[in-house]
Protein backbone atom coordinates (compact mmCIF):
# COMPACT_ATOMS: atom_id res chain seq x y z
CA MET A 1 95.18 101.78 85.30
CA LYS A 2 97.60 99.33 87.01
CA LEU A 3 100.62 98.42 85.30
CA LEU A 4 103.41 96.20 86.33
CA LEU A 5 106.94 97.63 86.48
CA PRO A 6 109.99 95.68 85.14
CA GLN A 7 112.59 93.86 87.09
CA GLN A 8 116.28 94.20 87.38
CA PRO A 9 117.31 90.59 87.53
CA LEU A 10 120.21 91.04 90.00
CA CYS A 11 118.32 93.29 92.46
CA PRO A 12 117.82 91.83 95.96
CA VAL A 13 114.16 93.13 96.04
CA CYS A 14 112.60 92.78 92.65
CA GLY A 15 115.21 90.48 91.14
CA ASP A 16 115.08 86.99 89.69
CA PRO A 17 115.79 84.12 92.05
CA ALA A 18 117.35 82.31 89.00
CA GLU A 19 119.91 84.91 88.52
CA ASN A 20 120.18 86.00 92.12
CA PRO A 21 119.09 83.39 94.60
CA ALA A 22 118.85 85.88 97.51
CA ALA A 23 116.25 87.99 95.58
CA LEU A 24 112.92 88.45 96.90
CA ALA A 25 111.14 88.53 93.44
CA VAL A 26 108.82 91.32 94.47
CA ARG A 27 106.73 92.44 91.58
CA PHE A 28 105.74 96.30 91.86
CA THR A 29 102.79 97.75 90.30
CA LEU A 30 102.05 101.41 89.59
CA ASP A 31 98.63 102.95 89.62
CA THR A 32 98.89 105.54 86.93
CA GLU A 33 95.93 107.28 88.42
CA THR A 34 97.05 107.73 91.89
CA GLY A 35 100.97 107.48 91.49
CA VAL A 36 100.96 104.75 94.11
CA VAL A 37 103.35 101.88 93.81
CA TRP A 38 102.13 98.64 95.36
CA ALA A 39 103.33 95.13 95.82
CA ARG A 40 102.56 92.05 97.88
CA VAL A 41 105.40 90.19 99.77
CA ALA A 42 105.62 87.05 102.01
CA LEU A 43 108.85 86.61 103.93
CA ARG A 44 110.31 83.39 105.24
CA GLU A 45 112.55 82.23 108.11
CA ARG A 46 115.76 83.13 106.34
CA HIS A 47 114.56 86.83 106.70
CA LEU A 48 114.24 86.94 110.42
CA GLY A 49 116.32 89.08 112.79
CA TYR A 50 114.89 87.65 116.05
CA ALA A 51 112.74 84.40 116.10
CA GLY A 52 109.37 85.29 114.77
CA ARG A 53 110.24 88.84 113.56
CA VAL A 54 111.49 89.96 110.04
CA HIS A 55 114.81 91.69 110.19
CA GLY A 56 114.23 95.57 110.35
CA GLY A 57 117.02 96.12 107.65
CA LEU A 58 115.09 93.98 105.31
CA ILE A 59 111.99 95.96 105.91
CA ALA A 60 114.00 99.11 105.20
CA MET A 61 115.15 97.76 101.92
CA LEU A 62 111.67 96.87 100.73
CA LEU A 63 110.34 100.36 101.63
CA ASP A 64 113.29 101.91 99.87
CA GLU A 65 112.78 100.01 96.67
CA ALA A 66 108.97 100.87 96.68
CA MET A 67 109.79 104.47 97.19
CA ALA A 68 112.38 104.63 94.54
CA TRP A 69 109.84 103.18 92.08
CA ALA A 70 107.30 105.74 93.03
CA CYS A 71 109.85 108.61 92.64
CA ALA A 72 111.10 107.48 89.37
CA ALA A 73 107.43 107.13 88.00
CA ARG A 74 106.90 110.65 88.99
CA ALA A 75 110.13 112.20 87.83
CA ARG A 76 110.37 110.07 84.70
CA THR A 77 113.83 109.18 85.41
CA PHE A 78 115.51 106.89 88.00
CA CYS A 79 116.32 108.17 91.49
CA THR A 80 118.88 107.50 94.06
CA THR A 81 118.26 107.37 97.76
CA GLY A 82 119.82 110.22 99.68
CA GLU A 83 118.18 109.65 103.00
CA LEU A 84 115.90 106.95 104.48
CA LYS A 85 114.00 106.91 107.61
CA VAL A 86 111.86 103.78 108.73
CA ARG A 87 109.61 103.46 111.72
CA LEU A 88 108.90 99.99 112.78
CA LYS A 89 105.63 100.00 114.43
CA LYS A 90 105.01 96.53 115.12
CA PRO A 91 106.90 93.27 114.64
CA VAL A 92 106.65 91.98 111.11
CA PRO A 93 105.77 88.36 111.09
CA PRO A 94 106.93 85.74 108.54
CA HIS A 95 104.73 83.65 106.31
CA GLN A 96 102.02 86.20 106.02
CA GLU A 97 101.39 87.94 102.89
CA LEU A 98 102.13 91.74 103.46
CA GLU A 99 101.20 94.87 101.39
CA LEU A 100 103.92 97.52 100.55
CA ARG A 101 102.70 100.92 99.20
CA ALA A 102 104.61 103.97 98.21
CA TRP A 103 104.05 107.49 96.81
CA VAL A 104 105.80 110.93 96.29
CA GLY A 105 104.75 113.45 98.83
CA ASP A 106 106.44 116.37 97.25
CA ALA A 107 109.12 117.46 94.80
CA ARG A 108 111.50 120.34 94.55
CA GLY A 109 113.94 120.51 91.50
CA PRO A 110 115.63 117.19 91.43
CA TYR A 111 114.66 116.03 94.85
CA LEU A 112 111.50 113.97 95.75
CA ARG A 113 110.22 112.94 99.10
CA GLY A 114 108.90 109.33 99.13
CA LEU A 115 106.55 108.03 101.52
CA GLY A 116 105.87 104.32 102.16
CA GLU A 117 104.12 101.82 104.34
CA LEU A 118 104.18 98.19 104.99
CA THR A 119 100.75 96.55 106.08
CA THR A 120 98.76 93.37 106.69
CA PRO A 121 96.08 92.81 104.17
CA ALA A 122 93.71 93.93 106.80
CA GLY A 123 95.38 97.38 106.75
CA HIS A 124 97.19 96.98 110.09
CA LEU A 125 100.19 99.35 109.90
CA LEU A 126 103.62 97.55 110.60
CA ALA A 127 106.19 100.00 109.34
CA THR A 128 106.21 103.65 107.65
CA ALA A 129 109.21 105.27 105.69
CA THR A 130 110.13 108.59 104.33
CA GLY A 131 113.01 109.15 102.05
CA THR A 132 114.73 111.82 99.99
CA PHE A 133 115.45 110.87 96.54
CA ALA A 134 117.58 112.52 93.90
CA ALA A 135 116.49 112.25 90.25
CA MET A 136 119.29 110.89 87.99
CA PRO A 137 120.48 112.76 84.81
CA ARG A 138 118.25 111.54 82.08
CA GLN A 139 120.88 110.13 80.02
CA GLN A 140 122.36 108.08 83.07
CA SER A 141 118.75 106.69 83.44
CA LEU A 142 118.45 105.79 79.86
CA ALA A 143 121.68 103.89 79.94
CA LEU A 144 120.51 102.04 82.98
CA ARG A 145 117.47 100.65 81.18
CA ARG A 146 119.52 97.88 79.63
CA PHE A 147 119.83 96.21 82.98
CA LEU A 148 116.07 95.86 83.28
CA ARG A 149 114.05 92.79 82.24
CA TRP A 150 110.93 93.85 80.23
CA ARG A 151 107.77 91.91 79.58
CA THR A 152 104.80 92.77 77.48
CA GLY A 153 102.25 95.19 79.42
CA GLU A 154 104.95 96.49 81.74
CA LEU A 155 105.42 100.19 82.15
CA ASP A 156 108.64 101.93 81.12
CA VAL A 157 108.56 104.74 83.79
CA LEU A 158 111.10 106.89 81.69
CA THR A 159 108.74 107.19 78.89
CA GLY A 160 105.34 106.58 80.42
CA ARG A 161 104.80 104.02 77.73
CA VAL A 162 103.82 100.40 77.97
CA VAL A 163 106.15 97.63 76.49
CA GLU A 164 104.25 96.21 73.61
CA VAL A 165 106.47 93.39 72.42
CA LEU A 166 108.15 91.05 74.84
CA GLY A 167 111.93 92.23 75.52
CA THR A 168 111.72 95.42 73.52
CA LEU A 169 111.50 99.07 74.88
CA PRO A 170 109.44 101.74 73.75
CA GLU A 171 111.45 103.82 71.33
CA SER A 172 110.34 107.38 72.26
CA GLU A 173 111.89 109.33 74.98
CA ASP A 174 108.77 111.36 75.38
CA ALA A 175 108.19 111.99 79.00
CA GLY A 176 104.47 111.94 78.77
CA PRO A 177 102.05 113.20 81.43
CA GLN A 178 103.24 112.78 85.10
CA PRO A 179 101.14 110.56 87.54
CA PRO A 180 99.20 112.46 89.91
CA ARG A 181 100.22 113.09 93.60
CA HIS A 182 98.90 110.48 96.07
CA PRO A 183 95.48 111.57 97.39
CA ARG A 184 97.08 111.79 100.87
CA GLY A 185 98.96 114.81 99.63
CA THR A 186 102.07 115.28 101.56
CA THR A 187 101.41 113.42 104.76
């Protein structure tokens, strides 16, 4: 099942441009069967580093956000980035719909290794990333939920439950089943 994840209105990646004019408004989806977080994004001239190429720092930010959501879904708590490594394989063009994918390679204690990639819709690899993420204490994550914007049908990654009524959160803190590992394993 594929479920949308909520927005944090002020986030530069998934935020709402009405509240943060610089936000990219990326909407992430979690495939609950594979644990893969997925999104489409199209970048513009204002996102360029050099003429005709999207700034590498922006690519890193997109991949970091996607991996953080994948790690949060797996850990059932929000995660913070400890280390981020990005490989820019080809110039990333503006005005082309691109696909972001991220998943968890492995987890040890409170640490998770996220993996991500940015591709063209045809599957041409533009960038890859790996990151080490630390799971936040559960109470801290629960306190951060209030900053998210929830819509009906979105997944609360902390509980594994779907929001059923606009603007309300699932009441249970039951962690529920964890999403599976990405089929590629730890590569």
